[in-house]
Amino acid sequence: MAKPGKIVAILPAYNVAKSLPAFVAGLPKGVFSKIILVDDGSKDNTYEIAKKLNGIEVHKNLHNLGYGGNLKTLLSLAFDSGADVAIEIHPDGEYLTDGIVPGLQKVREGADMVFGNRFGAEKSLVESGMYAWKYPVTKFLSWFCNMVLGAHIPDLHQGFRIYTKNFADKVNFRAGSNDYIFSFEIIAAAAFKKLKIESVPVSTSYSGKKRGASLKSSVFYTLGTFRVLFQLVLLQLGIKNPIFSTPGRRAVCPICSLSHLVEDQGKVAGYNLFFCKSCKLGFIYPMPINLSKYYPPVYYRYKGLLGWLRKVLFDFFERRRKDWVQNVLSKGAVLDVGSGEGGFGESLDKKYKVTSLEMPFSGVENKDVIKSDFLKYRPNRSFDAVCFWESLEHTPNPRAYLEKSFSLLRNGGYVFIEYPRYRGFESRLFGKNWFHLDIPRHTFHLTDAGLSDLLRRSGFKFISRSRVYAPEYTFAGFAISLLSTFGVKNFNFRDLSKFVLIIPGTIVGAVVESLFYLLGESPIGYIMARK
């Protein structure tokens, strides 16, 4: 690159209210086309102070994402706005700005990435305030990582960096971790892609809390680098990892409207599955326009002996839902969203006035069930509880459904949610073959952390969360997941040859799922929150 073109400074900010004004004032003039700062959920008034400063574009994460998540945000904002070069500078003042001009010269000479070299600065690291014990550790770690990577980068583990558009085009940085190990993941990916990496001396100033990470954090980071190097070795053996792949499809998260923290999980049942590292929720993209064709009448009711046995089994085990409600409500108005044939409402006694709601296209036969789009539903009353029993994951936007629930509840009212635990142990075990993915009927895939955060963002106070013993879902679900992993797919219980396979698989599932539950790893979760 003969000329760097559009140069953008990217400032990852966290609790830097005191140092920020002087830092911004000290940035070299006439170098940057734009300065972007992203506040990563600071506990001080970093964001408010940044907004008052002239000449910088300021953003704020909804919650603390960690260094990696924040840097992914900054890199995406820079390169999506047309940057040719992005320069990462930490506004806490730890790294001085003397590396900017020589670093840009390296870019002009063809470098794809430029790293600061603290060991090449005029003042030694110990003189600049770094803990003495960290110096030999940092030197050794850089030497060892360079040896494995086949690189020659004097100082791998530091925070002054220059990124070019070629880096953004070649390295799938959005697939990286949200924590600090992201800083090394992208180095390993760049080395794997054989990008040209150069170094320039950079001065540092360590003092107070800026003297470096704690011993505990340093140990975890070091272990993380070994993990990344091991993943690189596995890659040579044909075991792929997203961070080493070429940037692929990008999707916009329907919850936070971001794309740079969305990770492509590949195709499942003909649909693209994504995971948002900000919202901690999975979703399919694009959302199907017409879901009705995926819900045949048999989905709502099973006829004959098999249907009767299924109903008896489900009614017996799903009494837990009745207990959950009755433990906190002695009476009241209850709205059951995604009620099926309304069995839950029928299980409660007359002290509860239950309204059962299903989608307009549903094949339910119970005339007491209201067929209406929940978001368009306009009842003439408020409710004491809203229930989503294995139904929130079927919605096109869980946040909109929870916000609507909040508006329908009286003060002090409850929301009850039972859901498949995406990214729980069983989900990770079976991956794309996990029975409870149920794509495309499950348009969203809920995690414990993501759902808890979503409830808070929708206005609810978090009350309790627990694992659920749900044999009616998990025993056969484990069997189908296991058989799908070994290539036996497209289950139809009327297909006798496959039904015979399900029986021993379900017996194994009963043992394994009981063990999972005892270990706190049931694939089904339950959350209760209050308005």
Protein backbone atom coordinates (compact mmCIF):
# COMPACT_ATOMS: atom_id res chain seq x y z
CA MET A 1 0.00 0.00 0.00
CA ALA A 2 1.69 3.16 -1.19
CA LYS A 3 -0.67 5.45 0.74
CA PRO A 4 -2.60 4.44 3.86
CA GLY A 5 -5.75 6.25 2.68
CA LYS A 6 -8.51 6.66 5.28
CA ILE A 7 -6.94 6.25 8.74
CA VAL A 8 -9.20 5.68 11.73
CA ALA A 9 -8.14 5.68 15.37
CA ILE A 10 -10.04 3.11 17.45
CA LEU A 11 -10.14 3.59 21.23
CA PRO A 12 -11.32 0.66 23.41
CA ALA A 13 -12.49 2.42 26.57
CA TYR A 14 -13.31 1.09 30.02
CA ASN A 15 -13.27 3.24 33.16
CA VAL A 16 -10.96 5.88 31.65
CA ALA A 17 -12.91 9.00 32.63
CA LYS A 18 -9.89 10.60 34.37
CA SER A 19 -7.32 10.03 31.64
CA LEU A 20 -9.54 10.45 28.57
CA PRO A 21 -9.57 14.26 28.01
CA ALA A 22 -5.77 14.60 28.21
CA PHE A 23 -5.28 11.48 26.09
CA VAL A 24 -7.53 12.71 23.27
CA ALA A 25 -5.91 16.17 23.40
CA GLY A 26 -2.49 14.50 23.00
CA LEU A 27 -3.31 12.54 19.85
CA PRO A 28 -1.28 13.71 16.84
CA LYS A 29 -3.13 16.22 14.68
CA GLY A 30 -3.92 15.78 11.01
CA VAL A 31 -3.34 12.01 10.99
CA PHE A 32 -6.81 10.55 11.48
CA SER A 33 -9.83 10.79 9.21
CA LYS A 34 -11.95 9.70 12.17
CA ILE A 35 -11.56 8.80 15.85
CA ILE A 36 -13.96 6.15 17.19
CA LEU A 37 -14.37 5.37 20.89
CA VAL A 38 -16.51 2.54 22.25
CA ASP A 39 -17.24 2.49 25.97
CA ASP A 40 -17.47 -1.10 27.17
CA GLY A 41 -20.05 -0.59 29.93
CA SER A 42 -17.80 1.50 32.18
CA LYS A 43 -18.73 1.92 35.82
CA ASP A 44 -17.57 5.55 35.82
CA ASN A 45 -18.71 8.39 33.55
CA THR A 46 -16.39 7.56 30.64
CA TYR A 47 -19.24 7.70 28.13
CA GLU A 48 -20.58 11.04 29.31
CA ILE A 49 -17.13 12.65 29.23
CA ALA A 50 -16.37 11.19 25.79
CA LYS A 51 -19.59 12.65 24.39
CA LYS A 52 -18.43 16.13 25.43
CA LEU A 53 -15.11 15.87 23.59
CA ASN A 54 -14.90 17.35 20.11
CA GLY A 55 -13.83 15.34 17.09
CA ILE A 56 -14.57 11.79 18.24
CA GLU A 57 -17.39 9.41 17.39
CA VAL A 58 -18.66 7.79 20.59
CA HIS A 59 -20.53 4.49 21.07
CA LYS A 60 -21.50 2.50 24.16
CA ASN A 61 -22.02 -1.25 24.49
CA LEU A 62 -25.26 -2.33 26.13
CA HIS A 63 -23.21 -4.24 28.69
CA ASN A 64 -19.58 -5.12 29.26
CA LEU A 65 -18.44 -7.38 26.43
CA GLY A 66 -14.80 -7.78 27.43
CA TYR A 67 -11.74 -6.63 25.53
CA GLY A 68 -12.30 -8.93 22.55
CA GLY A 69 -15.96 -8.05 22.16
CA ASN A 70 -15.20 -4.34 22.37
CA LEU A 71 -12.34 -4.53 19.88
CA LYS A 72 -14.52 -6.48 17.43
CA THR A 73 -17.04 -3.66 17.72
CA LEU A 74 -14.37 -1.05 17.01
CA LEU A 75 -12.83 -2.93 14.08
CA SER A 76 -16.25 -3.43 12.50
CA LEU A 77 -17.24 0.22 12.96
CA ALA A 78 -13.94 1.32 11.41
CA PHE A 79 -13.85 -0.96 8.38
CA ASP A 80 -17.60 -0.80 7.76
CA SER A 81 -17.20 2.98 7.50
CA GLY A 82 -14.59 2.60 4.75
CA ALA A 83 -11.34 2.68 6.72
CA ASP A 84 -8.15 1.57 4.98
CA VAL A 85 -6.23 1.51 8.27
CA ALA A 86 -7.38 1.23 11.90
CA ILE A 87 -4.98 2.12 14.72
CA GLU A 88 -5.76 0.67 18.14
CA ILE A 89 -4.72 3.02 20.94
CA HIS A 90 -5.73 2.54 24.58
CA PRO A 91 -7.05 5.76 26.11
CA ASP A 92 -5.78 4.89 29.59
CA GLY A 93 -2.40 6.20 28.45
CA GLU A 94 -0.56 2.89 28.89
CA TYR A 95 0.81 3.09 25.34
CA LEU A 96 2.23 6.38 24.10
CA THR A 97 1.65 7.62 20.57
CA ASP A 98 5.25 7.51 19.32
CA GLY A 99 4.55 4.36 17.30
CA ILE A 100 1.89 5.90 15.05
CA VAL A 101 4.04 7.66 12.44
CA PRO A 102 6.65 4.87 12.00
CA GLY A 103 3.81 2.31 12.04
CA LEU A 104 2.06 4.05 9.16
CA GLN A 105 5.35 4.04 7.27
CA LYS A 106 5.42 0.24 7.65
CA VAL A 107 1.91 0.14 6.16
CA ARG A 108 3.11 2.22 3.20
CA GLU A 109 5.83 -0.38 2.70
CA GLY A 110 3.25 -3.19 2.49
CA ALA A 111 2.57 -4.39 6.06
CA ASP A 112 -0.85 -5.89 6.74
CA MET A 113 -0.48 -5.49 10.52
CA VAL A 114 1.94 -3.51 12.65
CA PHE A 115 2.66 -4.28 16.31
CA GLY A 116 4.24 -2.13 18.95
CA ASN A 117 7.51 -3.44 20.37
CA ARG A 118 7.89 -2.43 24.00
CA PHE A 119 11.30 -4.09 24.17
CA GLY A 120 12.61 -1.73 21.47
CA ALA A 121 11.64 1.49 23.25
CA GLU A 122 14.29 3.83 24.70
CA LYS A 123 13.04 3.23 28.25
CA SER A 124 12.95 -0.37 29.48
CA LEU A 125 9.66 -1.93 30.55
CA VAL A 126 10.74 -2.10 34.18
CA GLU A 127 11.76 1.55 34.04
CA SER A 128 8.35 2.41 32.57
CA GLY A 129 6.65 0.83 35.58
CA MET A 130 5.87 -2.77 34.58
CA TYR A 131 6.04 -5.39 37.31
CA ALA A 132 9.55 -6.88 37.20
CA TRP A 133 8.26 -10.48 37.26
CA LYS A 134 6.27 -9.93 34.08
CA TYR A 135 9.29 -9.00 31.93
CA PRO A 136 10.89 -12.48 31.59
CA VAL A 137 7.44 -14.11 31.33
CA THR A 138 6.43 -11.79 28.50
CA LYS A 139 9.74 -12.39 26.68
CA PHE A 140 9.46 -16.17 27.01
CA LEU A 141 5.82 -16.26 25.89
CA SER A 142 6.60 -14.17 22.81
CA TRP A 143 9.53 -16.46 21.94
CA PHE A 144 7.50 -19.65 22.38
CA CYS A 145 4.49 -18.38 20.40
CA ASN A 146 6.72 -17.14 17.58
CA MET A 147 8.36 -20.55 17.40
CA VAL A 148 5.00 -22.33 16.99
CA LEU A 149 3.56 -19.72 14.62
CA GLY A 150 6.71 -19.50 12.51
CA ALA A 151 6.65 -15.73 13.00
CA HIS A 152 9.19 -13.11 14.03
CA ILE A 153 7.23 -10.63 16.13
CA PRO A 154 9.35 -9.22 18.99
CA ASP A 155 6.43 -8.36 21.28
CA LEU A 156 3.30 -10.41 20.65
CA HIS A 157 1.34 -9.63 23.78
CA GLN A 158 0.81 -5.88 23.82
CA GLY A 159 -1.94 -3.44 22.88
CA PHE A 160 -0.63 -0.98 20.29
CA ARG A 161 -1.60 -2.29 16.87
CA ILE A 162 -2.30 -1.15 13.37
CA TYR A 163 -4.74 -3.12 11.22
CA THR A 164 -5.27 -2.78 7.47
CA LYS A 165 -8.24 -3.53 5.25
CA ASN A 166 -6.42 -6.60 3.96
CA PHE A 167 -6.34 -7.90 7.53
CA ALA A 168 -10.10 -7.31 7.86
CA ASP A 169 -10.74 -9.07 4.54
CA LYS A 170 -8.58 -12.11 5.33
CA VAL A 171 -8.98 -12.70 9.09
CA ASN A 172 -12.35 -13.80 10.46
CA PHE A 173 -11.93 -11.64 13.57
CA ARG A 174 -15.67 -11.60 14.31
CA ALA A 175 -15.45 -15.31 15.19
CA GLY A 176 -12.95 -14.63 17.97
CA SER A 177 -13.45 -14.69 21.72
CA ASN A 178 -14.93 -11.79 23.66
CA ASP A 179 -12.25 -11.89 26.35
CA TYR A 180 -8.61 -10.80 26.19
CA ILE A 181 -7.37 -13.95 24.43
CA PHE A 182 -8.92 -12.42 21.30
CA SER A 183 -5.75 -10.32 21.01
CA PHE A 184 -3.71 -13.48 20.43
CA GLU A 185 -6.34 -15.32 18.36
CA ILE A 186 -6.15 -12.72 15.61
CA ILE A 187 -2.34 -12.87 15.64
CA ALA A 188 -2.45 -16.64 15.18
CA ALA A 189 -5.03 -16.26 12.40
CA ALA A 190 -2.97 -13.57 10.65
CA ALA A 191 0.16 -15.74 10.86
CA PHE A 192 -1.80 -18.72 9.52
CA LYS A 193 -3.00 -16.55 6.59
CA LYS A 194 0.64 -15.53 6.03
CA LEU A 195 -0.10 -11.83 6.32
CA LYS A 196 2.85 -9.48 6.47
CA ILE A 197 3.36 -8.43 10.11
CA GLU A 198 5.86 -5.72 11.10
CA SER A 199 6.87 -4.08 14.38
CA VAL A 200 7.85 -0.61 15.55
CA PRO A 201 9.16 0.58 18.94
CA VAL A 202 6.46 1.92 21.24
CA SER A 203 6.86 3.59 24.63
CA THR A 204 4.72 2.70 27.62
CA SER A 205 3.75 4.18 30.95
CA TYR A 206 2.71 1.76 33.67
CA SER A 207 1.37 3.09 36.95
CA GLY A 208 -1.30 2.20 39.50
CA LYS A 209 -3.84 -0.24 38.06
CA LYS A 210 -2.21 0.14 34.65
CA ARG A 211 0.86 -1.77 35.82
CA GLY A 212 -0.58 -4.82 34.12
CA ALA A 213 -2.95 -7.71 34.63
CA SER A 214 -2.95 -9.60 37.91
CA LEU A 215 -1.05 -12.86 38.30
CA LYS A 216 -4.32 -14.81 38.06
CA SER A 217 -5.36 -13.03 34.85
CA SER A 218 -1.88 -13.51 33.39
CA VAL A 219 -2.00 -17.25 34.09
CA PHE A 220 -5.40 -17.60 32.42
CA TYR A 221 -4.21 -15.59 29.42
CA THR A 222 -1.08 -17.74 29.11
CA LEU A 223 -3.18 -20.92 29.22
CA GLY A 224 -5.40 -19.35 26.57
CA THR A 225 -2.45 -18.83 24.23
CA PHE A 226 -1.58 -22.52 24.54
CA ARG A 227 -5.18 -23.37 23.68
CA VAL A 228 -5.04 -21.22 20.54
CA LEU A 229 -1.74 -22.76 19.49
CA PHE A 230 -3.21 -26.23 20.03
CA GLN A 231 -6.18 -25.28 17.85
CA LEU A 232 -3.71 -24.26 15.17
CA VAL A 233 -2.02 -27.67 15.41
CA LEU A 234 -5.43 -29.37 15.14
CA LEU A 235 -6.11 -27.29 12.04
CA GLN A 236 -3.14 -28.93 10.35
CA LEU A 237 -4.86 -32.25 11.11
CA GLY A 238 -8.08 -31.14 9.44
CA ILE A 239 -10.02 -30.04 12.56
CA LYS A 240 -11.35 -26.60 11.67
CA ASN A 241 -11.84 -23.58 13.91
CA PRO A 242 -13.83 -20.47 12.86
CA ILE A 243 -11.12 -17.96 13.78
CA PHE A 244 -8.84 -19.48 11.12
CA SER A 245 -11.51 -19.44 8.41
CA THR A 246 -12.16 -16.82 5.76
CA PRO A 247 -14.82 -14.24 6.73
CA GLY A 248 -18.16 -15.55 5.49
CA ARG A 249 -21.84 -14.69 5.76
CA ARG A 250 -22.83 -11.83 8.03
CA ALA A 251 -26.21 -11.55 9.67
CA VAL A 252 -27.85 -8.84 11.72
CA CYS A 253 -28.99 -9.88 15.20
CA PRO A 254 -32.75 -9.22 15.47
CA ILE A 255 -32.31 -8.30 19.15
CA CYS A 256 -29.41 -5.82 19.21
CA SER A 257 -29.31 -4.95 15.47
CA LEU A 258 -25.55 -5.61 15.37
CA SER A 259 -23.71 -7.82 12.92
CA HIS A 260 -20.08 -7.63 14.02
CA LEU A 261 -20.59 -9.84 17.08
CA VAL A 262 -22.62 -12.45 15.21
CA GLU A 263 -20.92 -15.79 14.67
CA ASP A 264 -21.86 -18.11 11.80
CA GLN A 265 -22.68 -21.60 13.11
CA GLY A 266 -23.23 -23.11 9.65
CA LYS A 267 -26.31 -24.61 8.02
CA VAL A 268 -28.83 -26.71 9.91
CA ALA A 269 -31.86 -28.24 8.19
CA GLY A 270 -31.28 -25.91 5.23
CA TYR A 271 -31.18 -22.73 7.37
CA ASN A 272 -28.25 -20.59 8.45
CA LEU A 273 -27.76 -20.67 12.22
CA PHE A 274 -26.03 -17.74 13.91
CA PHE A 275 -25.03 -16.86 17.47
CA CYS A 276 -24.84 -13.30 18.77
CA LYS A 277 -22.00 -12.92 21.26
CA SER A 278 -23.53 -9.70 22.55
CA CYS A 279 -27.04 -11.01 23.23
CA LYS A 280 -25.81 -14.59 23.86
CA LEU A 281 -28.70 -15.92 21.78
CA GLY A 282 -28.81 -18.09 18.69
CA PHE A 283 -31.13 -17.43 15.75
CA ILE A 284 -31.78 -18.47 12.17
CA TYR A 285 -31.31 -15.90 9.44
CA PRO A 286 -33.12 -14.82 7.43
CA MET A 287 -36.28 -15.56 9.39
CA PRO A 288 -38.80 -17.71 7.45
CA ILE A 289 -41.65 -15.61 6.06
CA ASN A 290 -44.25 -18.35 6.44
CA LEU A 291 -43.80 -20.70 9.39
CA SER A 292 -47.26 -22.27 9.15
CA LYS A 293 -46.12 -24.98 6.74
CA TYR A 294 -43.75 -26.34 9.40
CA TYR A 295 -46.59 -26.92 11.87
CA PRO A 296 -48.78 -29.74 10.56
CA PRO A 297 -51.89 -30.66 12.61
CA VAL A 298 -50.03 -33.63 14.08
CA TYR A 299 -47.73 -31.12 15.83
CA TYR A 300 -50.60 -30.08 18.12
CA ARG A 301 -52.32 -33.41 18.64
CA TYR A 302 -51.51 -37.09 18.25
CA LYS A 303 -54.40 -39.40 17.55
CA GLY A 304 -54.81 -43.10 18.27
CA LEU A 305 -53.07 -45.13 20.96
CA LEU A 306 -49.74 -43.35 20.45
CA GLY A 307 -51.43 -39.98 20.86
CA TRP A 308 -53.19 -41.08 24.02
CA LEU A 309 -49.97 -42.41 25.56
CA ARG A 310 -48.17 -39.21 24.66
CA LYS A 311 -50.86 -37.07 26.28
CA VAL A 312 -50.82 -39.13 29.48
CA LEU A 313 -47.02 -38.89 29.66
CA PHE A 314 -46.91 -35.14 29.03
CA ASP A 315 -49.76 -34.38 31.44
CA PHE A 316 -48.04 -36.34 34.20
CA PHE A 317 -44.62 -34.71 33.96
CA GLU A 318 -45.82 -31.21 33.09
CA ARG A 319 -47.55 -30.91 36.45
CA ARG A 320 -44.32 -29.17 37.48
CA ARG A 321 -45.57 -26.06 35.67
CA LYS A 322 -48.72 -26.00 37.75
CA ASP A 323 -46.58 -26.20 40.90
CA TRP A 324 -44.34 -23.33 39.77
CA VAL A 325 -47.30 -21.02 39.32
CA GLN A 326 -49.12 -22.07 42.48
CA ASN A 327 -45.97 -21.61 44.58
CA VAL A 328 -46.05 -17.84 43.98
CA LEU A 329 -49.68 -17.16 43.04
CA SER A 330 -52.64 -18.35 45.10
CA LYS A 331 -55.06 -17.07 42.44
CA GLY A 332 -55.20 -14.68 39.50
CA ALA A 333 -55.33 -14.19 35.75
CA VAL A 334 -52.85 -16.24 33.75
CA LEU A 335 -51.95 -15.95 30.05
CA ASP A 336 -50.53 -19.10 28.46
CA VAL A 337 -48.71 -18.14 25.24
CA GLY A 338 -48.22 -21.00 22.80
CA SER A 339 -50.70 -23.12 24.71
CA GLY A 340 -51.29 -25.91 22.20
CA GLU A 341 -54.63 -27.49 23.02
CA GLY A 342 -54.79 -25.59 26.31
CA GLY A 343 -53.88 -28.46 28.59
CA PHE A 344 -51.99 -26.28 31.06
CA GLY A 345 -55.01 -24.02 31.59
CA GLU A 346 -57.22 -27.03 32.19
CA SER A 347 -54.80 -28.33 34.83
CA LEU A 348 -55.22 -25.26 37.07
CA ASP A 349 -58.23 -25.01 39.38
CA LYS A 350 -60.94 -22.36 39.19
CA LYS A 351 -59.05 -19.87 41.36
CA TYR A 352 -57.09 -19.07 38.20
CA LYS A 353 -58.61 -17.46 35.14
CA VAL A 354 -56.48 -18.85 32.32
CA THR A 355 -56.38 -17.43 28.80
CA SER A 356 -54.83 -19.83 26.27
CA LEU A 357 -53.29 -18.29 23.15
CA GLU A 358 -52.00 -19.86 19.96
CA MET A 359 -50.88 -18.57 16.56
CA PRO A 360 -53.66 -18.03 13.96
CA PHE A 361 -52.33 -20.83 11.74
CA SER A 362 -52.24 -23.41 14.55
CA GLY A 363 -54.15 -26.64 14.13
CA VAL A 364 -55.61 -26.75 17.65
CA GLU A 365 -59.19 -27.97 17.95
CA ASN A 366 -60.02 -26.64 21.43
CA LYS A 367 -62.45 -23.76 20.85
CA ASP A 368 -61.46 -22.13 24.13
CA VAL A 369 -57.98 -21.44 22.74
CA ILE A 370 -57.71 -17.96 21.21
CA LYS A 371 -55.95 -17.94 17.86
CA SER A 372 -54.10 -14.63 17.63
CA ASP A 373 -50.66 -13.20 16.97
CA PHE A 374 -49.40 -12.38 20.47
CA LEU A 375 -47.84 -9.08 19.44
CA LYS A 376 -51.20 -7.98 17.99
CA TYR A 377 -53.26 -9.37 20.87
CA ARG A 378 -55.23 -6.65 22.70
CA PRO A 379 -56.90 -8.12 25.81
CA ASN A 380 -59.27 -6.04 27.93
CA ARG A 381 -57.53 -7.04 31.15
CA SER A 382 -54.13 -7.25 32.82
CA PHE A 383 -52.57 -10.50 33.96
CA ASP A 384 -50.87 -11.79 37.08
CA ALA A 385 -48.71 -14.21 35.11
CA VAL A 386 -47.61 -14.85 31.53
CA CYS A 387 -46.30 -18.33 30.70
CA PHE A 388 -44.07 -19.49 27.87
CA TRP A 389 -43.88 -23.26 28.16
CA GLU A 390 -41.41 -24.32 25.46
CA SER A 391 -42.81 -21.58 23.20
CA LEU A 392 -40.58 -18.48 23.42
CA GLU A 393 -37.98 -20.13 21.16
CA HIS A 394 -40.65 -20.33 18.42
CA THR A 395 -41.02 -16.53 18.20
CA PRO A 396 -39.43 -14.20 15.61
CA ASN A 397 -38.23 -11.79 18.32
CA PRO A 398 -38.16 -12.92 21.99
CA ARG A 399 -37.39 -9.42 23.21
CA ALA A 400 -40.57 -8.05 21.61
CA TYR A 401 -42.56 -10.88 23.21
CA LEU A 402 -41.10 -10.21 26.65
CA GLU A 403 -41.67 -6.46 26.37
CA LYS A 404 -45.27 -7.15 25.37
CA SER A 405 -45.58 -9.51 28.36
CA PHE A 406 -44.26 -6.77 30.63
CA SER A 407 -46.93 -4.37 29.34
CA LEU A 408 -49.72 -6.93 29.94
CA LEU A 409 -48.70 -7.75 33.51
CA ARG A 410 -49.87 -6.02 36.65
CA ASN A 411 -47.14 -4.63 38.91
CA GLY A 412 -45.66 -7.58 40.76
CA GLY A 413 -46.79 -9.99 38.04
CA TYR A 414 -44.65 -12.94 36.95
CA VAL A 415 -43.33 -14.35 33.71
CA PHE A 416 -42.56 -18.09 33.60
CA ILE A 417 -40.35 -19.54 30.86
CA GLU A 418 -39.38 -23.14 30.18
CA TYR A 419 -36.95 -23.53 27.28
CA PRO A 420 -34.31 -25.76 25.63
CA ARG A 421 -30.86 -24.68 26.87
CA TYR A 422 -28.89 -23.85 23.74
CA ARG A 423 -25.13 -24.09 24.31
CA GLY A 424 -25.69 -26.16 27.41
CA PHE A 425 -23.69 -29.37 27.75
CA GLU A 426 -26.00 -31.54 25.64
CA SER A 427 -26.31 -28.88 22.95
CA ARG A 428 -22.51 -28.69 22.67
CA LEU A 429 -22.26 -32.48 22.74
CA PHE A 430 -24.52 -33.07 19.73
CA GLY A 431 -24.01 -29.79 17.86
CA LYS A 432 -26.09 -29.60 14.70
CA ASN A 433 -27.67 -32.97 15.51
CA TRP A 434 -29.19 -31.76 18.80
CA PHE A 435 -32.87 -32.70 18.78
CA HIS A 436 -33.99 -29.51 20.53
CA LEU A 437 -32.66 -27.23 17.78
CA ASP A 438 -35.84 -28.14 15.86
CA ILE A 439 -35.06 -25.70 13.05
CA PRO A 440 -36.94 -23.83 11.57
CA ARG A 441 -39.76 -24.10 14.14
CA HIS A 442 -37.29 -22.89 16.75
CA THR A 443 -36.35 -19.57 15.23
CA PHE A 444 -34.40 -18.52 18.35
CA HIS A 445 -32.12 -20.57 20.57
CA LEU A 446 -32.04 -19.45 24.19
CA THR A 447 -29.13 -19.63 26.59
CA ASP A 448 -29.27 -19.19 30.37
CA ALA A 449 -27.21 -16.00 30.32
CA GLY A 450 -28.87 -14.60 27.19
CA LEU A 451 -32.41 -15.13 28.46
CA SER A 452 -31.60 -13.69 31.89
CA ASP A 453 -30.12 -10.60 30.27
CA LEU A 454 -33.06 -10.30 27.88
CA LEU A 455 -35.51 -10.34 30.79
CA ARG A 456 -33.63 -7.54 32.54
CA ARG A 457 -33.46 -5.49 29.35
CA SER A 458 -37.22 -5.95 28.96
CA GLY A 459 -37.82 -4.44 32.41
CA PHE A 460 -38.14 -7.56 34.58
CA LYS A 461 -36.43 -8.28 37.87
CA PHE A 462 -34.68 -11.61 37.80
CA ILE A 463 -36.10 -14.00 40.41
CA SER A 464 -34.86 -17.54 39.92
CA ARG A 465 -33.43 -19.97 37.40
CA SER A 466 -33.11 -23.73 37.55
CA ARG A 467 -32.58 -26.88 35.51
CA VAL A 468 -35.65 -28.98 34.73
CA TYR A 469 -36.19 -32.74 34.87
CA ALA A 470 -38.36 -33.18 31.78
CA PRO A 471 -38.46 -36.86 30.75
CA GLU A 472 -41.25 -36.23 28.25
CA TYR A 473 -38.79 -34.18 26.15
CA THR A 474 -35.33 -35.34 27.08
CA PHE A 475 -35.40 -39.15 27.05
CA ALA A 476 -36.50 -39.58 23.44
CA GLY A 477 -34.74 -36.32 22.54
CA PHE A 478 -31.40 -37.82 23.61
CA ALA A 479 -32.13 -40.95 21.57
CA ILE A 480 -32.94 -38.97 18.42
CA SER A 481 -29.88 -36.72 18.90
CA LEU A 482 -27.66 -39.77 19.31
CA LEU A 483 -29.07 -41.60 16.30
CA SER A 484 -28.88 -38.43 14.17
CA THR A 485 -25.19 -38.17 15.03
CA PHE A 486 -24.73 -41.63 13.54
CA GLY A 487 -26.64 -40.74 10.37
CA VAL A 488 -30.15 -41.96 11.19
CA LYS A 489 -32.28 -38.88 10.46
CA ASN A 490 -35.77 -37.72 9.45
CA PHE A 491 -37.61 -39.50 12.23
CA ASN A 492 -41.24 -40.38 11.82
CA PHE A 493 -42.79 -42.37 14.64
CA ARG A 494 -45.03 -44.08 12.11
CA ASP A 495 -41.91 -45.51 10.43
CA LEU A 496 -41.63 -48.81 12.28
CA SER A 497 -37.96 -49.41 11.38
CA LYS A 498 -36.93 -46.13 13.00
CA PHE A 499 -39.40 -46.40 15.85
CA VAL A 500 -37.76 -49.68 16.87
CA LEU A 501 -34.40 -47.87 17.11
CA ILE A 502 -35.90 -45.20 19.32
CA ILE A 503 -36.89 -47.66 22.07
CA PRO A 504 -33.36 -48.76 23.19
CA GLY A 505 -32.12 -45.22 22.57
CA THR A 506 -34.79 -43.84 24.90
CA ILE A 507 -33.81 -46.32 27.62
CA VAL A 508 -30.21 -45.13 27.35
CA GLY A 509 -31.53 -41.56 27.30
CA ALA A 510 -33.42 -42.11 30.55
CA VAL A 511 -30.20 -43.09 32.33
CA VAL A 512 -28.03 -40.39 30.78
CA GLU A 513 -30.57 -37.57 31.16
CA SER A 514 -31.15 -38.45 34.81
CA LEU A 515 -27.40 -38.19 35.34
CA PHE A 516 -27.27 -34.88 33.44
CA TYR A 517 -29.99 -33.49 35.69
CA LEU A 518 -28.22 -34.57 38.87
CA LEU A 519 -25.07 -32.86 37.59
CA GLY A 520 -27.00 -29.65 36.84
CA GLU A 521 -26.80 -30.12 33.06
CA SER A 522 -30.37 -30.86 31.99
CA PRO A 523 -31.01 -29.65 28.42
CA ILE A 524 -34.21 -27.96 29.62
CA GLY A 525 -34.15 -24.81 31.73
CA TYR A 526 -36.65 -22.72 33.68
CA ILE A 527 -36.65 -19.01 34.55
CA MET A 528 -39.10 -16.98 36.59
CA ALA A 529 -38.95 -13.17 36.63
CA ARG A 530 -41.14 -10.44 38.09
CA LYS A 531 -42.38 -7.05 36.98
